[in-house]
Amino acid sequence: MLTLIFLSLAAQQIVQATSVLSPGFSGMVAGAERIFAAKVSSVRSDLTTRSGRRAIVTTVQFKVERMLKGSVTEEVQLEFLGGTVGEDTMEVHGVPKFIAGERVILFSRNNGKEFCPLVGIYHGKLVIERDAQSGADVVLHHNRQPITCATDIGSDPRPSITAAGATAIQPPIKLEAFLDAVTKELNAGARR
C-alpha cells in the first residue's frame, strides 16, 4: 500500500509539471529523431528506481513496418513513465497507452531521457486501422478520432462544422497518403 501511495504522489508531481503544447505538423516532423510505422509486438511494465524515486516504467517493443526518419532498423524499443505492475498503477496524464498487436505511426525523440519519448506527448502517437467502408488502412489520432489531412496532426482534433451547424463527417486520410505527406515535409525541411 505504501508503494501505491508513493507512486500516486510521484505521478501527481509529474502531472502538475506537464503541459501539452500542440506542435503542429511541421513541428512534429522536424522535432522527431525517428518517424516510423510499426506494429506493437510487446508491452511490459516494471517497477524501477529513477532519480532516487521508485516508479513504474513501461517498455514497448515495436516491429517496424516502415522507417521514414532515423536509422533503419527492424525493431524499436521505447520507454514510457507509468503503467501497472501487479495491483500498483502509475498513470501520467497525456502519456499514450499501447496494446500488443496495435499498428501505429510514431514521432519519437529522447528515448530513455524523458518521461514520454514522443514529440508532443500524445500527439506523437497515431493509430493505423483498417477502414470498414473502403478496406484501406487509414490514420487516426491517438484517441482514434479521424485525421482528414496530414496537417491535422500535432493539434487537438476538432469536428468540422458545416455552415448549417451540423458536424461534417469526412473520411480519414489513407495511410499511404499520410506517409507521402510526411516524406514531402521531410524533403522540404531538408531544403530549408
Protein backbone atom coordinates (compact mmCIF):
# COMPACT_ATOMS: atom_id res chain seq x y z
CA MET A 1 0.00 0.00 0.00
CA LEU A 2 2.89 2.38 0.74
CA THR A 3 4.22 1.78 -2.74
CA LEU A 4 0.87 2.75 -4.24
CA ILE A 5 0.74 5.95 -2.19
CA PHE A 6 4.30 6.84 -3.17
CA LEU A 7 3.62 6.14 -6.82
CA SER A 8 0.48 8.25 -6.67
CA LEU A 9 2.44 11.14 -5.18
CA ALA A 10 5.20 10.77 -7.77
CA ALA A 11 2.66 10.75 -10.60
CA GLN A 12 0.93 13.83 -9.19
CA GLN A 13 4.20 15.71 -9.17
CA ILE A 14 4.84 14.82 -12.80
CA VAL A 15 1.31 15.63 -13.93
CA GLN A 16 1.48 19.05 -12.30
CA ALA A 17 4.61 19.80 -14.32
CA THR A 18 3.17 18.51 -17.58
CA SER A 19 1.53 20.66 -20.22
CA VAL A 20 0.98 19.55 -23.78
CA LEU A 21 1.54 22.15 -26.46
CA SER A 22 0.29 21.44 -29.96
CA PRO A 23 3.47 21.25 -32.06
CA GLY A 24 1.73 21.30 -35.47
CA PHE A 25 2.57 19.09 -38.44
CA SER A 26 5.89 20.75 -39.36
CA GLY A 27 6.94 20.79 -35.70
CA MET A 28 6.15 17.10 -35.34
CA VAL A 29 8.21 16.16 -38.39
CA ALA A 30 11.14 18.46 -37.59
CA GLY A 31 11.19 17.59 -33.88
CA ALA A 32 11.30 13.82 -34.29
CA GLU A 33 14.54 11.83 -34.27
CA ARG A 34 12.58 8.90 -35.71
CA ILE A 35 9.31 8.66 -37.60
CA PHE A 36 8.08 5.15 -38.27
CA ALA A 37 5.06 2.95 -38.87
CA ALA A 38 5.09 -0.18 -36.73
CA LYS A 39 3.15 -2.92 -35.01
CA VAL A 40 3.31 -3.19 -31.21
CA SER A 41 4.93 -6.56 -30.50
CA SER A 42 5.05 -6.38 -26.68
CA VAL A 43 4.22 -4.14 -23.72
CA ARG A 44 5.91 -4.72 -20.34
CA SER A 45 5.76 -2.61 -17.15
CA ASP A 46 8.38 -2.82 -14.41
CA LEU A 47 8.95 -1.19 -11.05
CA THR A 48 12.25 0.70 -11.14
CA THR A 49 14.17 3.49 -9.45
CA ARG A 50 14.71 6.75 -11.33
CA SER A 51 16.41 9.80 -9.84
CA GLY A 52 16.26 8.14 -6.44
CA ARG A 53 12.49 7.54 -6.65
CA ARG A 54 10.58 4.35 -7.32
CA ALA A 55 8.44 4.48 -10.42
CA ILE A 56 6.74 2.24 -12.93
CA VAL A 57 8.19 2.30 -16.43
CA THR A 58 6.54 0.64 -19.43
CA THR A 59 8.75 -0.70 -22.21
CA VAL A 60 7.06 -1.06 -25.58
CA GLN A 61 8.65 -3.11 -28.36
CA PHE A 62 7.72 -2.24 -31.95
CA LYS A 63 8.22 -4.22 -35.16
CA VAL A 64 8.98 -1.54 -37.75
CA GLU A 65 6.95 -1.69 -40.96
CA ARG A 66 8.37 1.49 -42.49
CA MET A 67 11.03 3.94 -41.27
CA LEU A 68 10.58 7.48 -42.61
CA LYS A 69 13.18 9.29 -40.49
CA GLY A 70 16.09 7.92 -38.49
CA SER A 71 18.27 4.83 -38.69
CA VAL A 72 16.59 1.94 -40.46
CA THR A 73 16.03 -0.93 -38.05
CA GLU A 74 13.64 -3.87 -37.77
CA GLU A 75 12.67 -3.18 -34.16
CA VAL A 76 12.43 -0.16 -31.87
CA GLN A 77 12.03 -0.19 -28.10
CA LEU A 78 10.66 2.89 -26.28
CA GLU A 79 10.28 3.57 -22.53
CA PHE A 80 7.31 5.46 -21.05
CA LEU A 81 6.83 6.55 -17.45
CA GLY A 82 3.73 4.89 -15.98
CA GLY A 83 2.00 1.55 -16.21
CA THR A 84 0.71 -1.23 -13.99
CA VAL A 85 2.71 -3.78 -12.00
CA GLY A 86 0.52 -6.17 -10.03
CA GLU A 87 -2.04 -4.02 -8.20
CA ASP A 88 0.06 -0.84 -8.43
CA THR A 89 -0.73 1.63 -11.20
CA MET A 90 1.09 4.82 -12.07
CA GLU A 91 -0.69 6.92 -14.67
CA VAL A 92 0.88 10.00 -16.23
CA HIS A 93 -1.68 12.27 -17.87
CA GLY A 94 -1.17 12.56 -21.61
CA VAL A 95 1.18 9.59 -21.99
CA PRO A 96 -0.43 7.26 -24.52
CA LYS A 97 -1.02 3.59 -23.83
CA PHE A 98 -0.20 0.77 -26.23
CA ILE A 99 -1.77 -2.63 -26.91
CA ALA A 100 0.11 -5.61 -28.36
CA GLY A 101 -0.92 -6.05 -31.99
CA GLU A 102 -1.87 -2.39 -32.44
CA ARG A 103 -0.47 -0.64 -35.52
CA VAL A 104 0.86 2.88 -35.05
CA ILE A 105 2.87 5.73 -36.53
CA LEU A 106 5.26 7.26 -34.01
CA PHE A 107 7.21 10.52 -33.91
CA SER A 108 9.87 9.74 -31.31
CA ARG A 109 12.78 11.54 -29.65
CA ASN A 110 14.81 11.43 -26.43
CA ASN A 111 14.03 7.78 -25.64
CA GLY A 112 15.09 6.97 -22.07
CA LYS A 113 15.73 10.66 -21.31
CA GLU A 114 12.17 11.99 -20.92
CA PHE A 115 9.03 10.58 -19.31
CA CYS A 116 7.48 10.20 -22.78
CA PRO A 117 9.71 9.71 -25.84
CA LEU A 118 7.15 11.13 -28.29
CA VAL A 119 7.06 14.57 -29.87
CA GLY A 120 4.13 16.43 -28.32
CA ILE A 121 3.46 13.53 -25.91
CA TYR A 122 0.14 12.04 -27.11
CA HIS A 123 0.37 13.94 -30.42
CA GLY A 124 3.33 11.69 -31.29
CA LYS A 125 1.20 8.53 -31.44
CA LEU A 126 -1.10 7.94 -34.40
CA VAL A 127 -3.14 4.78 -34.89
CA ILE A 128 -3.40 2.80 -38.13
CA GLU A 129 -6.71 0.97 -38.63
CA ARG A 130 -8.48 -0.74 -41.49
CA ASP A 131 -11.42 1.39 -42.66
CA ALA A 132 -14.60 -0.71 -42.67
CA GLN A 133 -16.09 1.12 -45.65
CA SER A 134 -13.12 1.36 -48.02
CA GLY A 135 -11.00 -1.54 -46.76
CA ALA A 136 -7.95 0.76 -46.84
CA ASP A 137 -5.55 1.42 -43.96
CA VAL A 138 -6.28 4.87 -42.50
CA VAL A 139 -4.61 7.10 -39.91
CA LEU A 140 -6.30 8.23 -36.70
CA HIS A 141 -5.30 10.41 -33.74
CA HIS A 142 -4.14 8.62 -30.56
CA ASN A 143 -7.74 8.73 -29.30
CA ARG A 144 -8.97 7.18 -32.57
CA GLN A 145 -10.53 10.39 -33.91
CA PRO A 146 -10.12 10.59 -37.71
CA ILE A 147 -7.29 12.57 -39.28
CA THR A 148 -8.60 14.02 -42.54
CA CYS A 149 -5.31 15.50 -43.77
CA ALA A 150 -1.69 15.26 -42.60
CA THR A 151 -1.67 18.80 -41.22
CA ASP A 152 -4.33 17.71 -38.68
CA ILE A 153 -1.64 16.03 -36.60
CA GLY A 154 0.11 17.86 -33.81
CA SER A 155 -3.12 19.67 -32.93
CA ASP A 156 -6.13 18.64 -30.90
CA PRO A 157 -8.84 17.01 -33.03
CA ARG A 158 -11.90 19.17 -33.54
CA PRO A 159 -15.00 18.21 -35.50
CA SER A 160 -15.67 20.09 -38.74
CA ILE A 161 -18.82 22.20 -38.57
CA THR A 162 -20.85 22.95 -41.71
CA ALA A 163 -22.46 26.32 -42.45
CA ALA A 164 -25.76 24.86 -41.19
CA GLY A 165 -24.10 23.98 -37.86
CA ALA A 166 -24.06 20.21 -38.36
CA THR A 167 -20.95 18.15 -37.73
CA ALA A 168 -19.34 17.26 -41.06
CA ILE A 169 -18.14 13.70 -41.43
CA GLN A 170 -15.03 13.47 -43.57
CA PRO A 171 -13.21 10.25 -44.33
CA PRO A 172 -9.88 9.69 -42.57
CA ILE A 173 -6.67 10.04 -44.57
CA LYS A 174 -5.34 6.85 -46.11
CA LEU A 175 -2.06 5.52 -44.73
CA GLU A 176 -0.07 5.90 -47.97
CA ALA A 177 -1.27 9.48 -48.47
CA PHE A 178 -0.25 10.33 -44.91
CA LEU A 179 3.20 8.73 -45.27
CA ASP A 180 3.69 10.58 -48.58
CA ALA A 181 2.85 13.89 -46.87
CA VAL A 182 5.41 13.19 -44.13
CA THR A 183 8.05 12.34 -46.75
CA LYS A 184 7.30 15.59 -48.63
CA GLU A 185 7.63 17.56 -45.39
CA LEU A 186 10.95 15.84 -44.62
CA ASN A 187 12.24 16.75 -48.11
CA ALA A 188 11.02 20.36 -47.75
CA GLY A 189 12.73 20.59 -44.34
CA ALA A 190 16.00 19.32 -45.83
CA ARG A 191 15.88 22.14 -48.41
CA ARG A 192 15.31 24.87 -45.78
